[in-house]
C-alpha atoms as a PDB file:
ATOM      1  CA  MET A   1      -0.010  -0.064  -0.065  1.00  0.00           C
ATOM      2  CA  ASN A   2       1.063   3.554  -0.833  1.00  0.00           C
ATOM      3  CA  PRO A   3       2.906   5.171   2.514  1.00  0.00           C
ATOM      4  CA  ALA A   4       0.917   8.234   2.035  1.00  0.00           C
ATOM      5  CA  ILE A   5      -2.480   6.527   1.825  1.00  0.00           C
ATOM      6  CA  ALA A   6      -1.629   4.164   4.706  1.00  0.00           C
ATOM      7  CA  GLY A   7      -0.747   7.284   6.832  1.00  0.00           C
ATOM      8  CA  SER A   8      -3.994   9.188   5.703  1.00  0.00           C
ATOM      9  CA  ALA A   9      -6.007   5.941   6.714  1.00  0.00           C
ATOM     10  CA  ARG A  10      -4.135   5.983  10.247  1.00  0.00           C
ATOM     11  CA  ARG A  11      -4.950   9.645  10.875  1.00  0.00           C
ATOM     12  CA  LEU A  12      -8.557   9.288   9.788  1.00  0.00           C
ATOM     13  CA  THR A  13      -9.080   6.134  11.945  1.00  0.00           C
ATOM     14  CA  LEU A  14      -7.431   8.108  14.911  1.00  0.00           C
ATOM     15  CA  THR A  15      -9.704  11.014  14.250  1.00  0.00           C
ATOM     16  CA  LEU A  16     -12.726   8.789  14.257  1.00  0.00           C
ATOM     17  CA  ALA A  17     -11.732   7.035  17.345  1.00  0.00           C
ATOM     18  CA  ALA A  18     -11.276  10.346  19.252  1.00  0.00           C
ATOM     19  CA  ALA A  19     -14.612  11.462  17.796  1.00  0.00           C
ATOM     20  CA  LEU A  20     -16.267   8.543  19.180  1.00  0.00           C
ATOM     21  CA  LEU A  21     -14.737   8.803  22.487  1.00  0.00           C
ATOM     22  CA  CYS A  22     -15.865  12.412  22.646  1.00  0.00           C
ATOM     23  CA  ALA A  23     -19.482  11.436  21.644  1.00  0.00           C
ATOM     24  CA  CYS A  24     -19.690   8.611  24.264  1.00  0.00           C
ATOM     25  CA  THR A  25     -18.538  11.283  27.004  1.00  0.00           C
ATOM     26  CA  THR A  26     -20.904  13.953  25.630  1.00  0.00           C
ATOM     27  CA  LEU A  27     -23.930  11.458  25.170  1.00  0.00           C
ATOM     28  CA  MET A  28     -23.515   9.493  28.336  1.00  0.00           C
ATOM     29  CA  PRO A  29     -21.480  11.707  30.925  1.00  0.00           C
ATOM     30  CA  VAL A  30     -22.748   9.948  34.135  1.00  0.00           C
ATOM     31  CA  GLN A  31     -21.743   6.608  32.827  1.00  0.00           C
ATOM     32  CA  GLU A  32     -18.402   7.847  31.625  1.00  0.00           C
ATOM     33  CA  GLY A  33     -17.909   9.580  34.991  1.00  0.00           C
ATOM     34  CA  THR A  34     -18.974   6.623  37.180  1.00  0.00           C
ATOM     35  CA  LYS A  35     -15.971   4.780  35.500  1.00  0.00           C
ATOM     36  CA  LEU A  36     -13.695   7.430  36.757  1.00  0.00           C
ATOM     37  CA  VAL A  37     -14.586   6.926  40.590  1.00  0.00           C
ATOM     38  CA  GLY A  38     -11.305   6.493  42.336  1.00  0.00           C
ATOM     39  CA  GLN A  39      -9.336   8.378  40.071  1.00  0.00           C
ATOM     40  CA  PRO A  40      -7.776  11.806  40.642  1.00  0.00           C
ATOM     41  CA  LYS A  41      -9.110  15.223  39.635  1.00  0.00           C
ATOM     42  CA  ALA A  42      -6.650  15.406  36.760  1.00  0.00           C
ATOM     43  CA  ALA A  43      -8.367  12.285  35.340  1.00  0.00           C
ATOM     44  CA  VAL A  44     -11.778  13.804  35.631  1.00  0.00           C
ATOM     45  CA  GLN A  45     -10.524  17.236  34.023  1.00  0.00           C
ATOM     46  CA  ALA A  46      -8.923  15.267  31.018  1.00  0.00           C
ATOM     47  CA  THR A  47     -12.326  13.769  30.355  1.00  0.00           C
ATOM     48  CA  PHE A  48     -14.865  16.280  30.799  1.00  0.00           C
ATOM     49  CA  GLY A  49     -12.747  19.745  30.769  1.00  0.00           C
ATOM     50  CA  PRO A  50     -12.612  22.548  33.268  1.00  0.00           C
ATOM     51  CA  PRO A  51     -15.705  22.489  35.526  1.00  0.00           C
ATOM     52  CA  THR A  52     -17.954  25.594  35.481  1.00  0.00           C
ATOM     53  CA  ASP A  53     -18.035  25.931  39.299  1.00  0.00           C
ATOM     54  CA  ILE A  54     -16.012  24.560  41.934  1.00  0.00           C
ATOM     55  CA  PHE A  55     -16.693  24.424  45.561  1.00  0.00           C
ATOM     56  CA  ASN A  56     -14.445  23.381  48.448  1.00  0.00           C
ATOM     57  CA  LEU A  57     -16.622  22.128  51.155  1.00  0.00           C
ATOM     58  CA  PRO A  58     -16.280  22.364  55.005  1.00  0.00           C
ATOM     59  CA  ASP A  59     -15.552  18.992  55.389  1.00  0.00           C
ATOM     60  CA  GLY A  60     -12.332  19.072  53.401  1.00  0.00           C
ATOM     61  CA  THR A  61     -14.194  17.243  50.436  1.00  0.00           C
ATOM     62  CA  SER A  62     -14.820  19.385  47.011  1.00  0.00           C
ATOM     63  CA  ARG A  63     -17.686  19.091  44.170  1.00  0.00           C
ATOM     64  CA  TRP A  64     -17.030  20.232  40.700  1.00  0.00           C
ATOM     65  CA  ILE A  65     -20.243  21.174  38.829  1.00  0.00           C
ATOM     66  CA  TYR A  66     -20.306  20.765  34.796  1.00  0.00           C
ATOM     67  CA  SER A  67     -23.269  22.826  34.263  1.00  0.00           C
ATOM     68  CA  LYS A  68     -25.216  22.589  30.753  1.00  0.00           C
ATOM     69  CA  GLN A  69     -27.171  25.614  31.586  1.00  0.00           C
ATOM     70  CA  PRO A  70     -28.524  28.170  30.511  1.00  0.00           C
ATOM     71  CA  LEU A  71     -30.073  26.141  27.513  1.00  0.00           C
ATOM     72  CA  GLY A  72     -29.326  22.583  28.659  1.00  0.00           C
ATOM     73  CA  GLN A  73     -31.188  20.674  31.347  1.00  0.00           C
ATOM     74  CA  TYR A  74     -28.391  18.982  32.970  1.00  0.00           C
ATOM     75  CA  ALA A  75     -25.728  19.764  35.444  1.00  0.00           C
ATOM     76  CA  TYR A  76     -23.249  17.077  36.535  1.00  0.00           C
ATOM     77  CA  ALA A  77     -21.483  17.076  39.990  1.00  0.00           C
ATOM     78  CA  ALA A  78     -18.299  15.522  40.531  1.00  0.00           C
ATOM     79  CA  GLU A  79     -17.606  14.680  44.151  1.00  0.00           C
ATOM     80  CA  PHE A  80     -14.088  14.291  45.450  1.00  0.00           C
ATOM     81  CA  ASP A  81     -12.687  13.162  48.737  1.00  0.00           C
ATOM     82  CA  ARG A  82     -10.117  14.955  50.906  1.00  0.00           C
ATOM     83  CA  ASN A  83      -7.358  13.397  48.649  1.00  0.00           C
ATOM     84  CA  GLY A  84      -8.814  14.558  45.664  1.00  0.00           C
ATOM     85  CA  ASN A  85     -10.118  11.194  44.297  1.00  0.00           C
ATOM     86  CA  LEU A  86     -13.530  10.947  42.531  1.00  0.00           C
ATOM     87  CA  THR A  87     -16.247   9.551  44.809  1.00  0.00           C
ATOM     88  CA  SER A  88     -19.138  10.073  42.727  1.00  0.00           C
ATOM     89  CA  PHE A  89     -20.491  11.556  39.628  1.00  0.00           C
ATOM     90  CA  ARG A  90     -24.131  12.247  38.905  1.00  0.00           C
ATOM     91  CA  ASN A  91     -26.670  14.741  37.397  1.00  0.00           C
ATOM     92  CA  VAL A  92     -27.796  17.022  40.090  1.00  0.00           C
ATOM     93  CA  LEU A  93     -30.731  18.753  37.984  1.00  0.00           C
ATOM     94  CA  SER A  94     -33.046  15.655  38.294  1.00  0.00           C
ATOM     95  CA  SER A  95     -36.224  15.594  40.258  1.00  0.00           C
ATOM     96  CA  LEU A  96     -34.943  13.494  43.045  1.00  0.00           C
ATOM     97  CA  GLU A  97     -31.823  15.850  43.438  1.00  0.00           C
ATOM     98  CA  LEU A  98     -34.001  18.976  43.157  1.00  0.00           C
ATOM     99  CA  TYR A  99     -36.310  17.641  46.002  1.00  0.00           C
ATOM    100  CA  LYS A 100     -33.510  17.432  48.313  1.00  0.00           C
ATOM    101  CA  ALA A 101     -33.597  21.307  48.815  1.00  0.00           C
ATOM    102  CA  GLN A 102     -34.568  22.208  52.325  1.00  0.00           C
ATOM    103  CA  VAL A 103     -37.045  25.035  52.533  1.00  0.00           C
ATOM    104  CA  GLY A 104     -36.245  27.177  55.561  1.00  0.00           C
ATOM    105  CA  THR A 105     -32.860  25.726  56.025  1.00  0.00           C
ATOM    106  CA  TRP A 106     -30.746  25.894  52.688  1.00  0.00           C
ATOM    107  CA  THR A 107     -29.174  29.300  51.727  1.00  0.00           C
ATOM    108  CA  ARG A 108     -28.229  30.825  48.417  1.00  0.00           C
ATOM    109  CA  GLU A 109     -24.878  29.078  49.000  1.00  0.00           C
ATOM    110  CA  ASP A 110     -26.299  25.672  49.578  1.00  0.00           C
ATOM    111  CA  VAL A 111     -28.138  25.888  46.475  1.00  0.00           C
ATOM    112  CA  ALA A 112     -25.157  27.003  44.479  1.00  0.00           C
ATOM    113  CA  GLU A 113     -22.938  24.283  45.916  1.00  0.00           C
ATOM    114  CA  HIS A 114     -25.333  21.523  45.250  1.00  0.00           C
ATOM    115  CA  PHE A 115     -26.873  22.655  41.971  1.00  0.00           C
ATOM    116  CA  GLY A 116     -24.158  25.148  40.391  1.00  0.00           C
ATOM    117  CA  VAL A 117     -24.719  28.950  40.179  1.00  0.00           C
ATOM    118  CA  THR A 118     -27.585  29.612  38.132  1.00  0.00           C
ATOM    119  CA  ARG A 119     -27.173  30.367  34.391  1.00  0.00           C
ATOM    120  CA  LEU A 120     -30.630  32.097  33.810  1.00  0.00           C
ATOM    121  CA  PRO A 121     -31.241  35.501  34.641  1.00  0.00           C
ATOM    122  CA  VAL A 122     -31.929  36.139  38.548  1.00  0.00           C
ATOM    123  CA  GLU A 123     -35.575  37.447  39.046  1.00  0.00           C
ATOM    124  CA  TYR A 124     -36.451  39.647  41.964  1.00  0.00           C
ATOM    125  CA  TYR A 125     -40.197  40.000  43.001  1.00  0.00           C
ATOM    126  CA  PRO A 126     -40.288  43.269  45.346  1.00  0.00           C
ATOM    127  CA  ARG A 127     -43.987  42.558  46.542  1.00  0.00           C
ATOM    128  CA  MET A 128     -42.901  39.102  47.660  1.00  0.00           C
ATOM    129  CA  ARG A 129     -39.398  40.393  48.508  1.00  0.00           C
ATOM    130  CA  ARG A 130     -37.953  37.217  46.885  1.00  0.00           C
ATOM    131  CA  GLU A 131     -35.115  36.564  44.891  1.00  0.00           C
ATOM    132  CA  VAL A 132     -35.560  33.505  42.108  1.00  0.00           C
ATOM    133  CA  TRP A 133     -32.971  31.438  40.716  1.00  0.00           C
ATOM    134  CA  SER A 134     -34.197  29.270  38.097  1.00  0.00           C
ATOM    135  CA  TYR A 135     -32.777  25.944  36.597  1.00  0.00           C
ATOM    136  CA  ARG A 136     -33.888  24.172  33.461  1.00  0.00           C
ATOM    137  CA  PHE A 137     -34.348  20.384  34.013  1.00  0.00           C
ATOM    138  CA  LEU A 138     -36.618  17.413  32.893  1.00  0.00           C
ATOM    139  CA  HIS A 139     -39.293  17.248  35.296  1.00  0.00           C
ATOM    140  CA  GLU A 140     -39.560  13.169  36.239  1.00  0.00           C
ATOM    141  CA  ASP A 141     -36.997  12.625  33.144  1.00  0.00           C
ATOM    142  CA  VAL A 142     -39.719  13.871  30.727  1.00  0.00           C
ATOM    143  CA  TRP A 143     -41.351  17.428  30.864  1.00  0.00           C
ATOM    144  CA  PRO A 144     -38.960  20.489  30.063  1.00  0.00           C
ATOM    145  CA  SER A 145     -39.505  22.559  33.110  1.00  0.00           C
ATOM    146  CA  LEU A 146     -37.939  25.159  35.335  1.00  0.00           C
ATOM    147  CA  PHE A 147     -37.170  24.788  39.100  1.00  0.00           C
ATOM    148  CA  ASN A 148     -37.467  27.703  40.783  1.00  0.00           C
ATOM    149  CA  PHE A 149     -35.903  28.700  44.164  1.00  0.00           C
ATOM    150  CA  TYR A 150     -37.182  31.444  45.957  1.00  0.00           C
ATOM    151  CA  PHE A 151     -34.918  33.199  48.619  1.00  0.00           C
ATOM    152  CA  ASP A 152     -35.875  35.906  51.149  1.00  0.00           C
ATOM    153  CA  ASP A 153     -33.817  39.004  51.560  1.00  0.00           C
ATOM    154  CA  ALA A 154     -31.621  37.198  54.145  1.00  0.00           C
ATOM    155  CA  GLY A 155     -30.685  34.665  51.405  1.00  0.00           C
ATOM    156  CA  ILE A 156     -32.805  31.824  52.994  1.00  0.00           C
ATOM    157  CA  LEU A 157     -34.774  29.348  50.731  1.00  0.00           C
ATOM    158  CA  ARG A 158     -38.328  29.926  51.461  1.00  0.00           C
ATOM    159  CA  GLN A 159     -40.158  28.451  48.565  1.00  0.00           C
ATOM    160  CA  THR A 160     -39.705  26.106  45.594  1.00  0.00           C
ATOM    161  CA  GLN A 161     -41.705  26.075  42.389  1.00  0.00           C
ATOM    162  CA  ILE A 162     -41.748  23.776  39.261  1.00  0.00           C
ATOM    163  CA  THR A 163     -42.988  25.641  35.985  1.00  0.00           C
ATOM    164  CA  PRO A 164     -42.960  24.582  32.517  1.00  0.00           C
ATOM    165  CA  ASP A 165     -40.039  25.572  30.475  1.00  0.00           C
ATOM    166  CA  PRO A 166     -41.380  28.487  28.241  1.00  0.00           C
ATOM    167  CA  LEU A 167     -38.570  27.813  25.767  1.00  0.00           C
ATOM    168  CA  TYR A 168     -40.344  24.411  25.039  1.00  0.00           C
ATOM    169  CA  ASP A 169     -43.827  26.173  24.690  1.00  0.00           C
ATOM    170  CA  PRO A 170     -44.870  26.658  21.142  1.00  0.00           C
ATOM    171  CA  ASP A 171     -47.066  29.368  22.059  1.00  0.00           C
ATOM    172  CA  GLU A 172     -44.267  31.290  23.910  1.00  0.00           C
ATOM    173  CA  ARG A 173     -41.698  30.573  20.843  1.00  0.00           C
ATOM    174  CA  ARG A 174     -44.004  32.696  18.440  1.00  0.00           C
ATOM    175  CA  ARG A 175     -44.137  35.891  20.540  1.00  0.00           C
END
């Protein structure tokens, strides 16, 4: 075989293999992240790139958030132990995770640490005296929705609410 053709075929094969590997990481991040449990932070960053948010938690552990917001419906949390090794990787914008928010107890910082900083515009309703952070997600893994966190002026979570996502409402898109 001609060496030039063989070299081109090899490069094409390597390019396709790299593209398939990236596609797997993009299409199935929880499965790919779970395979990395026990690995150091460098392995997670090599696979997923730099995180959108980094939180050093009081117990010495850390959490990296990989947010697909503002238009995506997922945010992935990579949890690391005190030695910097991955202990879990999961989607935190799921119904079960969002329901963990504790009204009257959690603060803005707790919500940011658990779900990442909101990438949607922060709203303020003066009559309610509430600041609202919203996150896109699939309610019950089916319905495009917004999960809204309402904070009082002291930054305490006072209410949560699920609303349909207007981005997926055909009537809203025509406006």
